Amino acid sequence: MIRNRTTVKLQPGLFLQPFVVSQLVGSVIERVVEGSDVTAAEYAVTSSLAALGSATPTELARRLGLSPTTLSAMVDRLVRKDELRRVPHAQDGRSYVLEPTPKGEATNARNAQRLAQELSSLLLHLEGEADDVLAALGRLEDALRSTLDPSRDPRGVLEER
């Protein structure tokens, strides 16, 4: 079925609700990183690298949904703060990978403990299963990525807009 504006019920909440959730998550993450050497946005970068071990800037930007220029500015700040380091890429001499420094590992460990406390509190207040919420957010992420890049349509069929 081809959908158009007359057959689709508009759902502005699909943008407003994630915006509100993003603001609230940001407030919680601000509490997590308070007193550390990183901002909430920088913590997204450092905690992702802690989980991955290392990544190229392109991989990290794609994973986090950041523009390359935004990530580049954050990486520059994190390198100056000695939280991250650039290491030459083993297969591509023109590129590099990012990895945490010992200071970055210590900062991330401290913040991860605080994050675990916040997650425990969140789970006490969450109605339903966390996996169900994550699955719904994953579907929303896929839809948003496809909206931004229609060639990435997960169904393999581009709908008329």
N, C-alpha and C. Protein backbone atom coordinates (compact mmCIF):
# COMPACT_ATOMS: atom_id res chain seq x y z
N MET A 1 0.84 -1.19 0.00
CA MET A 1 0.00 0.00 0.00
C MET A 1 0.88 1.24 0.00
N ILE A 2 0.59 2.15 -0.86
CA ILE A 2 1.31 3.42 -0.89
C ILE A 2 0.55 4.39 -0.01
N ARG A 3 1.29 4.99 0.91
CA ARG A 3 0.66 5.94 1.82
C ARG A 3 0.98 7.36 1.39
N ASN A 4 0.06 8.24 1.67
CA ASN A 4 0.31 9.66 1.47
C ASN A 4 -0.28 10.40 2.66
N ARG A 5 -0.23 11.70 2.63
CA ARG A 5 -0.69 12.48 3.79
C ARG A 5 -2.15 12.25 4.14
N THR A 6 -2.98 11.87 3.17
CA THR A 6 -4.39 11.70 3.48
C THR A 6 -4.67 10.36 4.15
N THR A 7 -3.75 9.37 4.00
CA THR A 7 -4.00 8.06 4.60
C THR A 7 -3.19 7.84 5.87
N VAL A 8 -2.31 8.76 6.20
CA VAL A 8 -1.47 8.60 7.38
C VAL A 8 -1.91 9.58 8.45
N LYS A 9 -2.22 9.06 9.62
CA LYS A 9 -2.55 9.92 10.75
C LYS A 9 -1.24 10.52 11.27
N LEU A 10 -1.15 11.83 11.28
CA LEU A 10 0.08 12.48 11.72
C LEU A 10 0.29 12.24 13.21
N GLN A 11 1.52 11.97 13.58
CA GLN A 11 1.89 11.68 14.96
C GLN A 11 3.02 12.61 15.40
N PRO A 12 2.72 13.90 15.67
CA PRO A 12 3.81 14.80 16.07
C PRO A 12 4.49 14.35 17.35
N GLY A 13 3.81 13.54 18.14
CA GLY A 13 4.42 13.02 19.36
C GLY A 13 5.63 12.15 19.10
N LEU A 14 5.73 11.59 17.90
CA LEU A 14 6.89 10.78 17.55
C LEU A 14 8.17 11.61 17.49
N PHE A 15 8.04 12.92 17.42
CA PHE A 15 9.20 13.80 17.53
C PHE A 15 9.26 14.47 18.89
N LEU A 16 8.11 14.91 19.40
CA LEU A 16 8.11 15.62 20.68
C LEU A 16 8.47 14.71 21.84
N GLN A 17 7.89 13.52 21.90
CA GLN A 17 8.16 12.63 23.03
C GLN A 17 9.65 12.24 23.11
N PRO A 18 10.29 11.85 22.00
CA PRO A 18 11.73 11.58 22.10
C PRO A 18 12.55 12.81 22.49
N PHE A 19 12.10 14.00 22.06
CA PHE A 19 12.79 15.22 22.47
C PHE A 19 12.73 15.38 23.98
N VAL A 20 11.54 15.19 24.54
CA VAL A 20 11.36 15.32 25.99
C VAL A 20 12.22 14.27 26.72
N VAL A 21 12.16 13.03 26.23
CA VAL A 21 12.96 11.96 26.84
C VAL A 21 14.44 12.30 26.76
N SER A 22 14.87 12.83 25.62
CA SER A 22 16.28 13.21 25.45
C SER A 22 16.70 14.26 26.48
N GLN A 23 15.83 15.23 26.72
CA GLN A 23 16.14 16.26 27.70
C GLN A 23 16.26 15.67 29.10
N LEU A 24 15.35 14.75 29.43
CA LEU A 24 15.38 14.12 30.76
C LEU A 24 16.60 13.20 30.91
N VAL A 25 16.90 12.45 29.88
CA VAL A 25 18.10 11.60 29.92
C VAL A 25 19.33 12.48 30.09
N GLY A 26 19.36 13.60 29.36
CA GLY A 26 20.48 14.53 29.49
C GLY A 26 20.65 15.03 30.92
N SER A 27 19.55 15.30 31.59
CA SER A 27 19.62 15.75 32.98
C SER A 27 20.19 14.67 33.89
N VAL A 28 19.78 13.42 33.66
CA VAL A 28 20.33 12.32 34.46
C VAL A 28 21.83 12.15 34.17
N ILE A 29 22.22 12.21 32.90
CA ILE A 29 23.64 12.04 32.55
C ILE A 29 24.47 13.20 33.10
N GLU A 30 23.89 14.39 33.17
CA GLU A 30 24.60 15.52 33.80
C GLU A 30 24.93 15.18 35.25
N ARG A 31 24.00 14.53 35.95
CA ARG A 31 24.28 14.10 37.33
C ARG A 31 25.38 13.06 37.37
N VAL A 32 25.37 12.16 36.40
CA VAL A 32 26.38 11.10 36.34
C VAL A 32 27.78 11.69 36.19
N VAL A 33 27.94 12.66 35.29
CA VAL A 33 29.27 13.18 34.98
C VAL A 33 29.69 14.35 35.86
N GLU A 34 28.78 14.82 36.71
CA GLU A 34 29.11 15.96 37.57
C GLU A 34 30.39 15.69 38.36
N GLY A 35 31.31 16.64 38.30
CA GLY A 35 32.56 16.50 39.03
C GLY A 35 33.63 15.73 38.26
N SER A 36 33.28 15.21 37.10
CA SER A 36 34.30 14.53 36.28
C SER A 36 34.82 15.51 35.25
N ASP A 37 35.72 15.04 34.41
CA ASP A 37 36.36 15.91 33.43
C ASP A 37 35.65 15.92 32.09
N VAL A 38 34.46 15.29 32.00
CA VAL A 38 33.76 15.21 30.71
C VAL A 38 32.34 15.74 30.85
N THR A 39 31.82 16.21 29.72
CA THR A 39 30.43 16.64 29.67
C THR A 39 29.55 15.42 29.38
N ALA A 40 28.25 15.63 29.44
CA ALA A 40 27.32 14.53 29.15
C ALA A 40 27.50 14.03 27.72
N ALA A 41 27.64 14.93 26.76
CA ALA A 41 27.83 14.52 25.36
C ALA A 41 29.17 13.80 25.20
N GLU A 42 30.19 14.29 25.85
CA GLU A 42 31.49 13.63 25.77
C GLU A 42 31.45 12.25 26.40
N TYR A 43 30.62 12.08 27.43
CA TYR A 43 30.49 10.77 28.06
C TYR A 43 29.90 9.75 27.09
N ALA A 44 29.03 10.19 26.20
CA ALA A 44 28.50 9.27 25.18
C ALA A 44 29.64 8.74 24.32
N VAL A 45 30.59 9.60 24.00
CA VAL A 45 31.74 9.20 23.19
C VAL A 45 32.65 8.28 23.99
N THR A 46 33.01 8.70 25.21
CA THR A 46 33.97 7.91 25.98
C THR A 46 33.40 6.57 26.42
N SER A 47 32.12 6.53 26.77
CA SER A 47 31.53 5.25 27.20
C SER A 47 31.36 4.31 26.01
N SER A 48 31.09 4.87 24.83
CA SER A 48 31.02 4.03 23.63
C SER A 48 32.38 3.42 23.34
N LEU A 49 33.42 4.23 23.45
CA LEU A 49 34.77 3.70 23.22
C LEU A 49 35.16 2.70 24.29
N ALA A 50 34.72 2.91 25.51
CA ALA A 50 35.01 1.93 26.57
C ALA A 50 34.39 0.59 26.22
N ALA A 51 33.19 0.61 25.65
CA ALA A 51 32.52 -0.63 25.27
C ALA A 51 33.17 -1.26 24.04
N LEU A 52 33.58 -0.43 23.10
CA LEU A 52 34.15 -0.93 21.84
C LEU A 52 35.65 -1.24 21.94
N GLY A 53 36.33 -0.56 22.83
CA GLY A 53 37.79 -0.68 22.92
C GLY A 53 38.47 0.37 22.07
N SER A 54 38.10 0.44 20.80
CA SER A 54 38.60 1.47 19.90
C SER A 54 37.65 1.54 18.70
N ALA A 55 37.74 2.65 17.98
CA ALA A 55 36.90 2.84 16.79
C ALA A 55 37.47 3.98 15.98
N THR A 56 37.18 3.97 14.69
CA THR A 56 37.55 5.12 13.88
C THR A 56 36.52 6.23 14.14
N PRO A 57 36.89 7.47 13.86
CA PRO A 57 35.92 8.55 14.03
C PRO A 57 34.66 8.33 13.19
N THR A 58 34.81 7.81 11.99
CA THR A 58 33.65 7.55 11.13
C THR A 58 32.72 6.52 11.77
N GLU A 59 33.28 5.44 12.27
CA GLU A 59 32.47 4.40 12.93
C GLU A 59 31.74 4.99 14.14
N LEU A 60 32.46 5.76 14.92
CA LEU A 60 31.88 6.33 16.14
C LEU A 60 30.79 7.35 15.81
N ALA A 61 31.02 8.21 14.84
CA ALA A 61 30.01 9.20 14.45
C ALA A 61 28.75 8.50 13.97
N ARG A 62 28.90 7.47 13.16
CA ARG A 62 27.74 6.74 12.64
C ARG A 62 26.98 6.08 13.80
N ARG A 63 27.70 5.45 14.69
CA ARG A 63 27.09 4.73 15.82
C ARG A 63 26.29 5.69 16.71
N LEU A 64 26.85 6.87 16.96
CA LEU A 64 26.23 7.83 17.87
C LEU A 64 25.25 8.78 17.18
N GLY A 65 25.17 8.71 15.86
CA GLY A 65 24.27 9.61 15.15
C GLY A 65 24.74 11.05 15.15
N LEU A 66 26.06 11.24 15.22
CA LEU A 66 26.65 12.58 15.22
C LEU A 66 27.22 12.91 13.85
N SER A 67 27.23 14.18 13.52
CA SER A 67 27.91 14.58 12.29
C SER A 67 29.42 14.44 12.52
N PRO A 68 30.17 14.17 11.46
CA PRO A 68 31.62 14.06 11.61
C PRO A 68 32.25 15.31 12.22
N THR A 69 31.75 16.50 11.87
CA THR A 69 32.34 17.72 12.41
C THR A 69 32.06 17.87 13.90
N THR A 70 30.86 17.49 14.33
CA THR A 70 30.54 17.54 15.76
C THR A 70 31.43 16.58 16.53
N LEU A 71 31.56 15.36 16.02
CA LEU A 71 32.41 14.38 16.69
C LEU A 71 33.86 14.86 16.71
N SER A 72 34.33 15.41 15.61
CA SER A 72 35.71 15.88 15.54
C SER A 72 36.00 16.92 16.61
N ALA A 73 35.09 17.85 16.81
CA ALA A 73 35.27 18.88 17.85
C ALA A 73 35.31 18.24 19.24
N MET A 74 34.43 17.25 19.48
CA MET A 74 34.44 16.58 20.78
C MET A 74 35.72 15.80 20.98
N VAL A 75 36.17 15.12 19.94
CA VAL A 75 37.42 14.35 20.04
C VAL A 75 38.58 15.27 20.35
N ASP A 76 38.65 16.41 19.68
CA ASP A 76 39.72 17.37 19.95
C ASP A 76 39.73 17.77 21.43
N ARG A 77 38.55 18.05 21.97
CA ARG A 77 38.46 18.43 23.40
C ARG A 77 38.90 17.27 24.29
N LEU A 78 38.44 16.06 23.96
CA LEU A 78 38.77 14.90 24.79
C LEU A 78 40.25 14.54 24.71
N VAL A 79 40.88 14.77 23.58
CA VAL A 79 42.32 14.55 23.45
C VAL A 79 43.06 15.59 24.30
N ARG A 80 42.65 16.87 24.23
CA ARG A 80 43.27 17.91 25.06
C ARG A 80 43.12 17.61 26.55
N LYS A 81 41.99 17.02 26.93
CA LYS A 81 41.75 16.67 28.34
C LYS A 81 42.47 15.39 28.74
N ASP A 82 43.15 14.74 27.80
CA ASP A 82 43.84 13.46 28.02
C ASP A 82 42.87 12.34 28.37
N GLU A 83 41.65 12.41 27.84
CA GLU A 83 40.66 11.34 28.03
C GLU A 83 40.74 10.32 26.89
N LEU A 84 41.12 10.78 25.69
CA LEU A 84 41.25 9.92 24.51
C LEU A 84 42.60 10.16 23.86
N ARG A 85 42.99 9.17 23.04
CA ARG A 85 44.18 9.35 22.21
C ARG A 85 43.87 8.84 20.81
N ARG A 86 44.58 9.42 19.86
CA ARG A 86 44.50 8.98 18.46
C ARG A 86 45.67 8.02 18.21
N VAL A 87 45.36 6.87 17.67
CA VAL A 87 46.38 5.86 17.37
C VAL A 87 46.33 5.59 15.87
N PRO A 88 47.48 5.56 15.19
CA PRO A 88 47.45 5.28 13.75
C PRO A 88 46.70 3.98 13.45
N HIS A 89 45.90 4.03 12.39
CA HIS A 89 45.11 2.87 11.97
C HIS A 89 46.06 1.82 11.40
N ALA A 90 45.90 0.56 11.82
CA ALA A 90 46.81 -0.51 11.40
C ALA A 90 46.73 -0.79 9.90
N GLN A 91 45.52 -0.70 9.31
CA GLN A 91 45.35 -1.02 7.89
C GLN A 91 45.34 0.21 6.98
N ASP A 92 45.08 1.38 7.51
CA ASP A 92 44.96 2.59 6.70
C ASP A 92 45.83 3.68 7.31
N GLY A 93 46.99 3.90 6.74
CA GLY A 93 47.93 4.86 7.28
C GLY A 93 47.43 6.30 7.27
N ARG A 94 46.39 6.58 6.50
CA ARG A 94 45.84 7.94 6.45
C ARG A 94 44.85 8.17 7.58
N SER A 95 44.42 7.12 8.24
CA SER A 95 43.38 7.22 9.25
C SER A 95 43.94 6.90 10.64
N TYR A 96 43.08 7.00 11.62
CA TYR A 96 43.46 6.66 12.99
C TYR A 96 42.25 6.07 13.70
N VAL A 97 42.53 5.42 14.82
CA VAL A 97 41.47 4.95 15.69
C VAL A 97 41.56 5.72 17.00
N LEU A 98 40.44 5.80 17.65
CA LEU A 98 40.36 6.46 18.95
C LEU A 98 40.30 5.40 20.03
N GLU A 99 40.99 5.66 21.12
CA GLU A 99 40.89 4.77 22.27
C GLU A 99 41.08 5.57 23.54
N PRO A 100 40.56 5.06 24.64
CA PRO A 100 40.70 5.79 25.91
C PRO A 100 42.15 5.76 26.41
N THR A 101 42.53 6.83 27.07
CA THR A 101 43.83 6.87 27.77
C THR A 101 43.61 6.25 29.15
N PRO A 102 44.68 6.02 29.91
CA PRO A 102 44.48 5.56 31.29
C PRO A 102 43.59 6.53 32.10
N LYS A 103 43.79 7.84 31.91
CA LYS A 103 42.92 8.81 32.60
C LYS A 103 41.48 8.63 32.14
N GLY A 104 41.29 8.45 30.84
CA GLY A 104 39.95 8.25 30.30
C GLY A 104 39.29 6.99 30.84
N GLU A 105 40.07 5.93 30.98
CA GLU A 105 39.53 4.69 31.56
C GLU A 105 39.09 4.90 33.00
N ALA A 106 39.88 5.66 33.76
CA ALA A 106 39.53 5.94 35.16
C ALA A 106 38.28 6.81 35.24
N THR A 107 38.20 7.84 34.40
CA THR A 107 37.02 8.71 34.38
C THR A 107 35.79 7.90 34.00
N ASN A 108 35.93 7.05 33.00
CA ASN A 108 34.79 6.26 32.55
C ASN A 108 34.35 5.27 33.63
N ALA A 109 35.30 4.66 34.32
CA ALA A 109 34.95 3.72 35.39
C ALA A 109 34.17 4.44 36.50
N ARG A 110 34.60 5.61 36.86
CA ARG A 110 33.91 6.41 37.89
C ARG A 110 32.50 6.75 37.43
N ASN A 111 32.38 7.21 36.17
CA ASN A 111 31.07 7.58 35.66
C ASN A 111 30.17 6.36 35.47
N ALA A 112 30.75 5.23 35.10
CA ALA A 112 29.96 4.01 34.92
C ALA A 112 29.34 3.56 36.25
N GLN A 113 30.06 3.72 37.35
CA GLN A 113 29.49 3.38 38.67
C GLN A 113 28.29 4.27 38.97
N ARG A 114 28.43 5.54 38.70
CA ARG A 114 27.32 6.47 38.94
C ARG A 114 26.15 6.19 38.00
N LEU A 115 26.47 5.81 36.75
CA LEU A 115 25.42 5.46 35.80
C LEU A 115 24.65 4.23 36.28
N ALA A 116 25.35 3.26 36.82
CA ALA A 116 24.70 2.05 37.33
C ALA A 116 23.70 2.40 38.43
N GLN A 117 24.05 3.35 39.28
CA GLN A 117 23.12 3.78 40.34
C GLN A 117 21.89 4.43 39.74
N GLU A 118 22.09 5.28 38.74
CA GLU A 118 20.96 5.95 38.09
C GLU A 118 20.08 4.93 37.36
N LEU A 119 20.70 3.95 36.71
CA LEU A 119 19.93 2.91 36.03
C LEU A 119 19.09 2.10 37.00
N SER A 120 19.66 1.79 38.16
CA SER A 120 18.91 1.05 39.18
C SER A 120 17.68 1.84 39.61
N SER A 121 17.86 3.13 39.81
CA SER A 121 16.73 3.98 40.19
C SER A 121 15.69 4.03 39.07
N LEU A 122 16.14 4.18 37.85
CA LEU A 122 15.22 4.22 36.71
C LEU A 122 14.41 2.94 36.62
N LEU A 123 15.05 1.81 36.77
CA LEU A 123 14.36 0.53 36.67
C LEU A 123 13.30 0.36 37.75
N LEU A 124 13.50 0.96 38.91
CA LEU A 124 12.48 0.92 39.97
C LEU A 124 11.21 1.64 39.55
N HIS A 125 11.38 2.67 38.72
CA HIS A 125 10.23 3.50 38.32
C HIS A 125 9.67 3.14 36.95
N LEU A 126 10.34 2.26 36.24
CA LEU A 126 9.94 1.92 34.88
C LEU A 126 8.80 0.91 34.90
N GLU A 127 7.72 1.26 34.23
CA GLU A 127 6.62 0.30 34.08
C GLU A 127 6.93 -0.54 32.86
N GLY A 128 6.79 -1.83 32.97
CA GLY A 128 7.10 -2.71 31.84
C GLY A 128 8.55 -3.15 31.88
N GLU A 129 8.93 -3.83 30.83
CA GLU A 129 10.27 -4.40 30.74
C GLU A 129 11.22 -3.45 30.00
N ALA A 130 12.42 -3.32 30.52
CA ALA A 130 13.42 -2.48 29.87
C ALA A 130 13.69 -2.94 28.45
N ASP A 131 13.71 -4.24 28.21
CA ASP A 131 13.97 -4.75 26.85
C ASP A 131 12.88 -4.30 25.87
N ASP A 132 11.64 -4.21 26.33
CA ASP A 132 10.56 -3.74 25.46
C ASP A 132 10.76 -2.27 25.08
N VAL A 133 11.18 -1.46 26.06
CA VAL A 133 11.44 -0.04 25.79
C VAL A 133 12.60 0.08 24.81
N LEU A 134 13.66 -0.68 25.04
CA LEU A 134 14.82 -0.63 24.14
C LEU A 134 14.47 -1.08 22.73
N ALA A 135 13.62 -2.09 22.61
CA ALA A 135 13.20 -2.56 21.29
C ALA A 135 12.42 -1.47 20.56
N ALA A 136 11.53 -0.80 21.27
CA ALA A 136 10.75 0.29 20.65
C ALA A 136 11.67 1.44 20.24
N LEU A 137 12.63 1.77 21.09
CA LEU A 137 13.58 2.83 20.75
C LEU A 137 14.44 2.43 19.56
N GLY A 138 14.80 1.17 19.48
CA GLY A 138 15.57 0.68 18.34
C GLY A 138 14.80 0.82 17.04
N ARG A 139 13.49 0.51 17.08
CA ARG A 139 12.66 0.67 15.89
C ARG A 139 12.55 2.15 15.51
N LEU A 140 12.42 3.02 16.50
CA LEU A 140 12.36 4.45 16.23
C LEU A 140 13.68 4.92 15.63
N GLU A 141 14.80 4.47 16.19
CA GLU A 141 16.10 4.83 15.63
C GLU A 141 16.22 4.41 14.17
N ASP A 142 15.84 3.17 13.87
CA ASP A 142 15.90 2.69 12.49
C ASP A 142 15.04 3.55 11.57
N ALA A 143 13.85 3.89 12.03
CA ALA A 143 12.95 4.71 11.21
C ALA A 143 13.53 6.11 11.00
N LEU A 144 14.12 6.68 12.03
CA LEU A 144 14.71 8.01 11.89
C LEU A 144 15.91 7.99 10.95
N ARG A 145 16.75 6.97 11.09
CA ARG A 145 17.90 6.86 10.18
C ARG A 145 17.43 6.71 8.74
N SER A 146 16.36 5.95 8.52
CA SER A 146 15.82 5.79 7.17
C SER A 146 15.16 7.07 6.67
N THR A 147 14.57 7.84 7.57
CA THR A 147 13.99 9.13 7.20
C THR A 147 15.08 10.08 6.73
N LEU A 148 16.20 10.06 7.42
CA LEU A 148 17.32 10.92 7.04
C LEU A 148 18.04 10.42 5.80
N ASP A 149 18.01 9.11 5.56
CA ASP A 149 18.67 8.51 4.40
C ASP A 149 17.71 7.50 3.78
N PRO A 150 16.81 7.96 2.91
CA PRO A 150 15.79 7.07 2.34
C PRO A 150 16.36 5.86 1.61
N SER A 151 17.60 5.93 1.14
CA SER A 151 18.19 4.77 0.47
C SER A 151 18.40 3.63 1.45
N ARG A 152 18.27 3.91 2.73
CA ARG A 152 18.47 2.92 3.79
C ARG A 152 17.14 2.30 4.23
N ASP A 153 16.09 2.45 3.46
CA ASP A 153 14.76 1.96 3.83
C ASP A 153 14.84 0.50 4.28
N PRO A 154 14.56 0.21 5.55
CA PRO A 154 14.72 -1.16 6.07
C PRO A 154 13.77 -2.17 5.44
N ARG A 155 12.65 -1.72 4.89
CA ARG A 155 11.70 -2.64 4.28
C ARG A 155 12.08 -2.95 2.84
N GLY A 156 13.04 -2.19 2.27
CA GLY A 156 13.44 -2.42 0.90
C GLY A 156 12.51 -1.81 -0.12
N VAL A 157 11.48 -1.11 0.34
CA VAL A 157 10.52 -0.49 -0.56
C VAL A 157 10.36 0.96 -0.11
N LEU A 158 10.70 1.88 -0.97
CA LEU A 158 10.52 3.28 -0.63
C LEU A 158 9.08 3.67 -0.88
N GLU A 159 8.47 4.28 0.11
CA GLU A 159 7.08 4.70 -0.02
C GLU A 159 7.01 6.09 -0.60
N GLU A 160 5.95 6.35 -1.34
CA GLU A 160 5.71 7.69 -1.87
C GLU A 160 5.42 8.63 -0.71
N ARG A 161 5.98 9.81 -0.76
CA ARG A 161 5.77 10.76 0.34
C ARG A 161 4.81 11.84 -0.08
